[in-house]
Protein backbone atom coordinates (compact mmCIF):
# COMPACT_ATOMS: atom_id res chain seq x y z
CA MET A 1 0.43 0.29 -21.57
CA SER A 2 -1.53 3.40 -20.12
CA HIS A 3 -3.31 4.12 -16.74
CA ASN A 4 0.72 4.35 -15.01
CA SER A 5 0.12 7.73 -12.51
CA PHE A 6 -2.81 8.44 -9.94
CA GLY A 7 -3.94 11.69 -8.10
CA HIS A 8 -4.51 15.43 -9.46
CA LEU A 9 -2.62 17.51 -8.19
CA PHE A 10 0.20 15.37 -6.23
CA ARG A 11 0.25 13.01 -8.84
CA VAL A 12 2.52 9.81 -9.34
CA THR A 13 3.92 8.08 -12.30
CA THR A 14 5.34 5.16 -12.12
CA PHE A 15 7.81 3.04 -13.84
CA GLY A 16 9.77 -0.48 -14.61
CA GLU A 17 9.59 -3.87 -14.08
CA SER A 18 10.06 -6.82 -11.53
CA HIS A 19 13.02 -8.30 -13.10
CA GLY A 20 14.15 -5.32 -15.67
CA VAL A 21 17.01 -2.84 -14.69
CA ALA A 22 15.28 -0.73 -12.18
CA ILE A 23 11.74 0.43 -11.20
CA GLY A 24 11.12 4.33 -10.17
CA CYS A 25 8.62 6.85 -10.25
CA ILE A 26 7.99 10.79 -10.95
CA VAL A 27 6.24 12.97 -8.24
CA ASP A 28 4.84 15.74 -9.84
CA GLY A 29 3.14 18.88 -7.86
CA THR A 30 4.77 19.05 -4.96
CA PRO A 31 5.09 21.84 -3.26
CA PRO A 32 8.64 23.87 -3.16
CA GLY A 33 10.56 24.29 0.37
CA LEU A 34 9.75 20.78 1.65
CA THR A 35 12.92 19.67 3.88
CA PHE A 36 14.03 15.92 3.80
CA SER A 37 16.85 13.46 2.71
CA GLN A 38 17.55 10.18 1.07
CA ARG A 39 17.71 8.25 4.61
CA TYR A 40 14.51 9.66 5.06
CA ILE A 41 12.89 7.87 2.06
CA GLN A 42 14.87 5.15 2.67
CA ASP A 43 13.78 4.15 5.93
CA PHE A 44 9.68 3.83 4.65
CA LEU A 45 11.40 1.61 1.84
CA ASP A 46 13.31 -0.10 4.79
CA LYS A 47 9.60 -1.36 6.23
CA ARG A 48 8.54 -3.23 2.76
CA ARG A 49 11.83 -4.50 1.64
CA PRO A 50 11.89 -8.31 0.90
CA GLY A 51 13.63 -10.90 2.66
CA GLN A 52 13.58 -9.36 6.26
CA SER A 53 12.12 -12.28 7.99
CA ARG A 54 11.42 -16.19 6.73
CA TYR A 55 8.01 -14.73 6.72
CA THR A 56 8.60 -13.14 3.28
CA THR A 57 10.22 -13.75 -0.41
CA GLN A 58 13.77 -14.22 -0.09
CA ARG A 59 14.55 -12.06 -3.21
CA GLN A 60 17.56 -10.30 -1.60
CA GLU A 61 17.05 -6.17 -2.87
CA PRO A 62 18.60 -3.90 -1.36
CA ASP A 63 15.58 -1.00 -2.55
CA ALA A 64 18.21 1.80 -2.09
CA VAL A 65 16.80 4.95 -3.23
CA SER A 66 18.29 7.78 -5.80
CA VAL A 67 16.31 11.11 -5.72
CA LEU A 68 17.23 12.75 -9.23
CA SER A 69 15.90 15.47 -9.76
CA GLY A 70 13.30 18.18 -8.45
CA VAL A 71 15.42 19.06 -5.00
CA VAL A 72 18.60 21.39 -3.91
CA ASP A 73 21.35 20.96 -1.61
CA GLY A 74 19.99 22.38 1.88
CA PRO A 75 21.91 24.14 4.24
CA ARG A 76 23.51 20.67 6.25
CA GLU A 77 25.13 17.72 4.88
CA GLY A 78 22.34 15.50 3.22
CA GLU A 79 19.61 17.72 3.01
CA LEU A 80 17.84 18.34 -0.04
CA VAL A 81 15.13 20.95 -0.24
CA SER A 82 11.90 20.39 -3.06
CA THR A 83 12.15 22.94 -5.89
CA GLY A 84 8.69 22.24 -6.84
CA THR A 85 9.67 20.99 -9.99
CA PRO A 86 8.94 17.47 -10.45
CA ILE A 87 10.97 14.80 -8.13
CA ALA A 88 12.02 11.83 -9.77
CA LEU A 89 13.09 8.51 -7.63
CA GLU A 90 15.00 5.48 -8.66
CA ILE A 91 15.57 1.96 -7.33
CA ARG A 92 17.55 -0.44 -8.98
CA ASN A 93 17.00 -4.30 -9.39
CA VAL A 94 19.92 -6.42 -8.12
CA ASP A 95 18.38 -9.79 -7.02
CA GLN A 96 16.20 -11.12 -10.60
CA ARG A 97 16.30 -14.31 -11.13
CA SER A 98 14.05 -14.69 -14.30
CA LYS A 99 14.45 -18.57 -15.14
CA ASP A 100 12.63 -19.80 -11.65
CA TYR A 101 10.26 -18.67 -14.13
CA SER A 102 10.90 -20.41 -17.43
CA ASN A 103 8.64 -23.27 -16.48
CA ILE A 104 5.48 -20.53 -16.72
CA ALA A 105 6.97 -18.84 -19.52
CA THR A 106 3.65 -19.90 -21.60
CA ARG A 107 1.33 -21.55 -18.57
CA TYR A 108 -0.96 -19.27 -16.58
CA ARG A 109 -1.05 -19.15 -13.14
CA PRO A 110 -4.31 -19.78 -11.70
CA GLY A 111 -5.43 -16.44 -9.58
CA HIS A 112 -2.50 -14.49 -10.92
CA ALA A 113 -3.10 -11.47 -13.95
CA ASP A 114 -1.24 -13.68 -16.36
CA ILE A 115 -4.10 -14.77 -18.65
CA ALA A 116 -5.42 -11.11 -18.17
CA TYR A 117 -2.35 -9.48 -19.35
CA ASP A 118 -1.97 -11.89 -22.25
CA VAL A 119 -5.58 -10.79 -23.35
CA LYS A 120 -5.43 -7.72 -22.99
CA TYR A 121 -1.67 -7.33 -24.65
CA GLY A 122 -1.09 -10.09 -26.82
CA LEU A 123 1.78 -11.18 -24.70
CA ARG A 124 3.26 -11.04 -21.02
CA ASP A 125 6.75 -10.28 -19.29
CA HIS A 126 6.51 -13.61 -17.63
CA ARG A 127 9.53 -12.95 -15.35
CA GLY A 128 7.99 -12.42 -12.14
CA GLY A 129 5.14 -10.70 -13.72
CA GLY A 130 6.54 -8.02 -15.23
CA ARG A 131 4.63 -4.37 -14.27
CA SER A 132 2.06 -7.19 -12.41
CA SER A 133 4.42 -7.79 -9.48
CA ALA A 134 4.02 -6.18 -6.11
CA ARG A 135 8.10 -5.19 -6.83
CA GLU A 136 6.41 -2.03 -8.78
CA THR A 137 4.87 -0.98 -5.18
CA ALA A 138 8.43 -0.05 -3.45
CA THR A 139 8.21 3.20 -6.08
CA ARG A 140 4.71 3.91 -4.22
CA VAL A 141 5.98 3.86 -0.65
CA ALA A 142 8.79 6.30 -1.81
CA ALA A 143 6.14 8.82 -3.45
CA GLY A 144 4.18 7.91 0.03
CA ALA A 145 7.39 9.47 1.87
CA ILE A 146 7.05 12.99 0.13
CA ALA A 147 3.48 12.72 0.69
CA ARG A 148 3.64 12.65 4.52
CA LEU A 149 5.23 16.17 4.03
CA VAL A 150 2.98 17.91 1.92
CA VAL A 151 0.37 18.16 4.99
CA PRO A 152 1.57 19.76 8.41
CA GLY A 153 1.09 17.49 10.87
CA LEU A 154 -0.35 14.23 8.95
CA THR A 155 0.40 10.82 10.63
CA VAL A 156 0.00 7.65 8.73
CA ARG A 157 0.63 4.09 10.01
CA ALA A 158 -0.91 0.75 9.57
CA ALA A 159 -1.01 -2.35 10.96
CA LEU A 160 -1.30 -6.29 10.10
CA VAL A 161 -5.05 -6.90 11.44
CA GLN A 162 -5.44 -10.54 9.89
CA ILE A 163 -4.07 -13.03 8.61
CA GLY A 164 -6.05 -16.10 7.24
CA ASP A 165 -8.66 -16.67 9.46
CA VAL A 166 -6.42 -15.41 12.76
CA ALA A 167 -7.52 -11.85 14.02
CA VAL A 168 -5.92 -9.61 16.44
CA ASP A 169 -7.89 -9.02 19.44
CA ARG A 170 -8.80 -5.17 19.71
CA ALA A 171 -8.53 -4.83 23.09
CA ARG A 172 -5.01 -5.77 23.15
CA TRP A 173 -4.00 -3.85 20.75
CA ASP A 174 -0.24 -1.69 21.48
CA TRP A 175 0.76 0.47 18.22
CA ASP A 176 4.24 -0.01 20.12
CA GLU A 177 3.84 -3.29 19.23
CA VAL A 178 3.78 -3.03 15.36
CA GLU A 179 7.79 -2.23 15.44
CA ARG A 180 8.29 -5.37 17.23
CA ASN A 181 7.58 -8.14 15.52
CA PRO A 182 7.88 -9.17 11.70
CA PHE A 183 4.32 -9.03 11.22
CA PHE A 184 3.40 -5.38 11.57
CA CYS A 185 0.86 -7.07 14.45
CA PRO A 186 -0.10 -4.79 17.35
CA ASP A 187 -1.07 -7.68 19.39
CA ALA A 188 2.14 -9.48 20.39
CA LEU A 189 -0.08 -13.11 21.16
CA THR A 190 -1.25 -13.25 18.29
CA ALA A 191 2.09 -12.44 16.26
CA THR A 192 3.00 -15.60 17.77
CA ARG A 193 -0.18 -17.75 16.38
CA TRP A 194 0.65 -15.95 13.35
CA ALA A 195 4.35 -16.70 13.24
CA GLU A 196 3.43 -20.45 13.41
CA LEU A 197 0.43 -20.74 11.33
CA LEU A 198 3.01 -19.11 8.62
CA ASP A 199 5.56 -21.49 9.19
CA ARG A 200 3.30 -24.53 8.31
CA VAL A 201 1.85 -22.53 5.01
CA ARG A 202 5.29 -21.87 3.73
CA LYS A 203 6.35 -25.55 4.65
CA ALA A 204 3.40 -26.87 2.54
CA GLY A 205 4.38 -24.86 -0.31
CA SER A 206 1.13 -22.68 -0.50
CA SER A 207 0.15 -19.31 0.79
CA VAL A 208 -2.41 -17.34 2.76
CA GLY A 209 -4.24 -13.99 2.66
CA ALA A 210 -4.44 -11.12 5.34
CA VAL A 211 -6.40 -7.78 6.25
CA VAL A 212 -4.31 -4.43 6.50
CA GLU A 213 -5.52 -1.58 9.10
CA VAL A 214 -4.16 2.08 8.09
CA GLU A 215 -5.58 5.43 10.08
CA ALA A 216 -4.46 8.78 9.32
CA THR A 217 -4.44 11.33 11.90
CA GLY A 218 -3.99 15.09 11.93
CA VAL A 219 -6.24 15.06 8.24
CA PRO A 220 -7.73 18.55 8.35
CA ALA A 221 -11.51 18.69 8.15
CA GLY A 222 -13.00 19.82 5.23
CA ILE A 223 -10.40 18.36 2.36
CA GLY A 224 -12.27 16.10 0.18
CA ALA A 225 -15.61 16.71 -2.14
CA PRO A 226 -19.18 16.04 -2.20
CA VAL A 227 -20.44 13.49 -5.47
CA TYR A 228 -17.64 13.30 -7.83
CA GLY A 229 -14.62 14.11 -6.13
CA LYS A 230 -15.31 12.03 -2.12
CA LEU A 231 -12.07 11.13 -0.14
CA ASP A 232 -12.86 7.67 0.94
CA ALA A 233 -13.27 7.23 -2.68
CA ASP A 234 -9.64 8.16 -3.90
CA ILE A 235 -8.31 6.62 -0.93
CA ALA A 236 -10.20 3.23 -1.69
CA ALA A 237 -9.39 3.58 -5.27
CA ASN A 238 -5.63 3.79 -4.64
CA LEU A 239 -5.90 0.84 -1.83
CA MET A 240 -8.08 -1.38 -4.77
CA SER A 241 -4.75 -0.16 -7.11
CA ILE A 242 -2.37 -2.39 -4.74
CA ASN A 243 -1.78 -5.96 -6.05
CA ALA A 244 -3.56 -8.84 -4.92
CA VAL A 245 -6.29 -6.22 -3.02
CA LYS A 246 -9.81 -7.79 -3.37
CA GLY A 247 -11.56 -5.66 -0.79
CA VAL A 248 -12.01 -2.17 0.77
CA GLU A 249 -13.60 -0.73 3.77
CA ILE A 250 -13.93 2.13 5.39
CA GLY A 251 -14.44 2.91 9.11
CA ASP A 252 -16.92 0.21 10.16
CA GLY A 253 -16.95 -0.65 6.12
CA PHE A 254 -19.46 -4.14 5.94
CA GLU A 255 -19.77 -4.02 9.39
CA ALA A 256 -22.12 -1.11 9.10
CA ALA A 257 -24.70 -2.98 7.51
CA ARG A 258 -25.38 -4.72 11.10
CA LEU A 259 -25.85 -1.55 13.14
CA SER A 260 -28.91 0.14 13.64
CA GLY A 261 -29.28 4.22 12.97
CA GLU A 262 -28.83 5.25 16.41
CA GLU A 263 -25.84 3.11 16.54
CA ASN A 264 -23.99 3.73 13.67
CA ALA A 265 -24.51 7.54 13.66
CA ASP A 266 -21.36 9.24 15.58
CA GLU A 267 -23.05 11.68 17.86
CA ILE A 268 -21.27 15.25 18.39
CA ARG A 269 -20.89 17.59 21.34
CA MET A 270 -18.95 20.77 21.78
CA GLY A 271 -15.33 20.77 22.92
CA ALA A 272 -13.84 22.95 25.12
CA ASP A 273 -11.65 24.29 22.79
CA GLY A 274 -15.05 25.26 20.40
CA ARG A 275 -14.46 22.80 18.18
CA PRO A 276 -17.06 19.69 17.68
CA VAL A 277 -16.36 16.43 19.19
CA PHE A 278 -17.54 13.19 17.94
CA LEU A 279 -18.20 10.67 20.77
CA SER A 280 -17.44 7.90 18.21
CA ASN A 281 -15.57 7.25 14.45
CA HIS A 282 -17.88 4.31 12.62
CA ALA A 283 -17.64 6.53 9.45
CA GLY A 284 -13.64 6.16 9.48
CA GLY A 285 -13.42 10.45 9.75
CA ILE A 286 -15.11 10.87 6.48
CA LEU A 287 -18.79 12.03 5.71
CA GLY A 288 -20.06 12.82 2.36
CA GLY A 289 -17.01 12.44 0.83
CA ILE A 290 -15.56 15.28 3.53
CA ALA A 291 -12.95 14.76 6.03
CA THR A 292 -14.71 15.22 9.71
CA GLY A 293 -11.06 15.79 11.10
CA GLN A 294 -11.36 12.73 12.91
CA PRO A 295 -9.13 9.81 12.26
CA VAL A 296 -9.46 8.66 9.08
CA VAL A 297 -9.53 4.70 9.02
CA ALA A 298 -9.65 2.25 6.16
CA ARG A 299 -9.39 -1.74 5.88
CA PHE A 300 -8.48 -3.67 2.82
CA ALA A 301 -8.41 -7.20 2.00
CA VAL A 302 -4.86 -9.62 0.00
CA LYS A 303 -5.65 -12.57 -1.46
CA PRO A 304 -3.46 -15.12 -0.87
CA THR A 305 -0.30 -15.15 -2.87
CA SER A 306 -0.68 -16.79 -6.77
CA SER A 307 2.78 -18.35 -7.02
CA ILE A 308 2.60 -21.33 -5.40
CA LEU A 309 4.45 -24.74 -5.21
CA THR A 310 0.87 -27.04 -5.20
CA PRO A 311 0.09 -27.57 -8.54
CA ARG A 312 -3.16 -26.29 -9.97
CA ARG A 313 -4.98 -27.00 -12.86
CA SER A 314 -4.52 -24.39 -15.74
CA ILE A 315 -4.19 -23.83 -19.49
CA ASP A 316 -1.05 -22.65 -21.67
CA ALA A 317 -1.00 -19.95 -24.44
CA ASP A 318 -1.70 -22.73 -27.00
CA GLY A 319 -5.30 -23.67 -25.23
CA GLN A 320 -3.80 -27.13 -23.92
CA GLU A 321 -4.41 -27.92 -20.38
CA VAL A 322 -1.80 -27.81 -17.73
CA ASP A 323 -0.92 -28.35 -14.18
CA VAL A 324 1.23 -25.30 -12.99
CA SER A 325 3.11 -25.35 -9.98
CA THR A 326 5.30 -22.30 -9.52
CA LYS A 327 8.84 -22.11 -8.41
CA GLY A 328 10.92 -19.49 -7.05
CA ARG A 329 11.13 -16.77 -3.87
CA HIS A 330 7.91 -15.48 -3.11
CA ASP A 331 5.75 -14.09 0.10
CA PRO A 332 3.57 -16.89 1.69
CA CYS A 333 1.74 -13.89 2.70
CA VAL A 334 2.04 -11.10 0.85
CA GLY A 335 -0.10 -8.62 3.54
CA ILE A 336 2.74 -8.62 5.72
CA ARG A 337 4.96 -6.25 2.90
CA ALA A 338 1.28 -4.71 1.89
CA VAL A 339 1.45 -2.63 5.35
CA PRO A 340 3.72 0.03 4.24
CA ILE A 341 2.37 0.37 0.75
CA GLY A 342 -0.97 1.07 2.13
CA GLU A 343 0.46 3.54 4.58
CA ALA A 344 1.73 5.05 1.21
CA MET A 345 -1.22 5.32 -0.91
CA VAL A 346 -3.59 6.77 1.79
CA ALA A 347 -1.02 9.34 2.47
CA CYS A 348 -0.98 10.20 -1.62
CA ALA A 349 -4.86 10.64 -1.92
CA ILE A 350 -5.01 13.00 1.50
CA ALA A 351 -1.80 15.00 0.37
CA ASP A 352 -3.64 14.87 -3.30
CA HIS A 353 -7.31 16.43 -1.61
CA PHE A 354 -5.03 18.78 0.91
CA LEU A 355 -3.74 20.53 -2.53
CA ARG A 356 -7.02 20.85 -4.19
CA HIS A 357 -9.16 21.92 -0.97
CA ARG A 358 -6.19 24.60 -0.77
CA GLY A 359 -6.17 25.53 -4.30
CA GLN A 360 -9.98 25.75 -4.22
CA THR A 361 -10.97 27.87 -0.71
CA GLY A 362 -7.63 28.90 -0.29
CA ARG A 363 -7.98 27.63 2.85
CA VAL A 364 -6.00 24.54 4.88
């Protein structure tokens, strides 16, 4: 299997399968001298970790990360300092239950990558989907923790803004609320509605989709490149590479098609500090593929989990028509745990463009 890497100067290569011994990644291009701890990376992984509420898969994985290379000990206990060489990160799998998938060993789950993998490779890993499993995304979250350190002053945060047809009320948006509920929801009232919705979905053995919004502040103006090196294009590619993501938009995205030219234009004035001030941010902080210095805003849509108890019509590897019902432990809404993954993939894209910009212009 090729194409297990993304990024140019900040480059991440992931490895491992859902039910294998371990998953992990190699982070190449990290500048020397960055200071962090293993606990720092673990905090991000804990946000994505399964089994933390009844609304996610009950697979019990500690997602304990080990830093294997690319660092030396810092002056303080537990402190690590990057050397500029590849940083290898490993996460051991400890709670695989491969027998849960024995009934679909030769059957294709509708809506899942099963049939596409078989068409391409002539075989597939039915144990949790192998590389097509969202288990792989834990490694991206670990890489995203490193990426945040590359760009001084960068903050990347995300929230779930819609589950099924129930969206947050932006008039009640509160970033602090994101840390207070199991849905990363910025609207406390909507979080209670989601709890009721997902209880019904879970008991029915079904699943539901979601929309995640990512915001990055402290993005240096000027990073990105026109034509084939657009910052928004790479952010979109990174987000589209996340399992189950079916759509991405930057700024107002598809809603921009409803606006007039006057409404869509982000007007500009000169600020007291001699820097331009934008009066709105329909563009999501990127114009012509280049960051404007405003917050970079992206949203992505996550489809419903394909592994459900409700029987669906399909075929098996012999071409026989069958009904498929997937047992085991699955997320009724995989979009919940996609929140820290989206943050990580945006952080990686920005770190990569920051290093590319510095290499081309000598400025940051």
